[in-house]
Amino acid sequence: MPLTPEPVLLQPRIEEFLVSLTARNDSPNTIRAYRNDLAGFVALSGGSETTIAQVNRKLIRSFTTRLYETGMKSTSLHRKLAAVKSFCNWLEAEGLLDAGLLETFAPRRRHDRLPDVPGETEVKEFLNGDLTTSSPERDRVVVELLYGSGLRASELIGINVDDFRDEDALLVRGKGRKERNVILGEYAQAAVTAWLPARAKTLESFNLKTSALLFSLGPRHSVERLNVRTIGRIVKATAEARGLDPAKWHPHLLRHACATHMHDHDAPLQGVAALLGHARLSSTQIYTRVSVGRMMQTYRTAHPHAQSSQ
């Protein structure tokens, strides 16, 4: 009597898939996101006992339906579905699954939500004036690079001192560790120039060395790069000190504002995409919709014929 083959569990294969992502040099943030998204897929698909044999269109459809029922934003849902598709493609390459089951799978249409971008006056209010944080010179660099160069928080914390190519250009490592050069405006240049002597003095006083542009000192006087959470706290603390709603302000909001304000001032979409490090122009086109929305709001407020007098 032939032996019944043992079912191939999904969870161990996920761990192997994540190892493969590390091998192809994906960023830690990308791998962390895949891990979380695939953990959710397993949890909503039957738990740790889910097998590869159970993965089919019906299971994936059920997964997406449950996510919709939780009220999850479509952007988050599509990210999770993309993680599942990538995993299924890897399973196919390993000879464990026919990924053709996903070829015609079409989730509900995605409706991009326009970011609520602050106007130029509000951003000036956010940036102007002295900072009252524990390291004002360092934190001025944080906010100026987020807005002035449109950096992601993860890109900002990875900057080294020797990444400055000249006074107005900076090498940045983006998603997938892809490198690009970004422009430094006058305000960002001034912030960096003010921070470098303070940085050197701090390191000298504790007899420490680091290549990181931005860092904090740990409880045992060890140099630690700033992390994404700390960058977020700096942005919110700055907003609160200006009397702005800290719940609204976060690092990515300044990146959105950078792109939108550039487009408002007639910057070509290709130039904005290059600055932000978007591989596809479609990722940048949302800012054209933000600018049109801002234009319509201004028109309705200011134009005599925008609204009926009745």
Foldseek 3Di string as FASTA:
>chain_A
DDDDDDFAWDVVLLVVVLVVCVVLQFDPVVSVLLVVLVQLLQVQQPHRRDGLVSDALVSVVSSLVVCVVVVDAPVSSVVSVVSVLVSQVVCVVVVNHDSVRCVPDDDPDHDDDQAPADDPVVVCLLLDDFDPDPQRLLLNLLLQCLQVLLEDLVFLLPFFPVQAPDLFWGWTQDGSRDIAITTHDPSNSVSLVVVPVVVVVLCVVLVHDDRTSAWDADPVRHTGGDDQVVSQVSSLSSCVVSVHHSVSTGSNSSSLNNLLVCVLVVDDLVVNCRSNVPPDSVVSCSSVVVNVVVVLVCCCVPPPPNDDPD
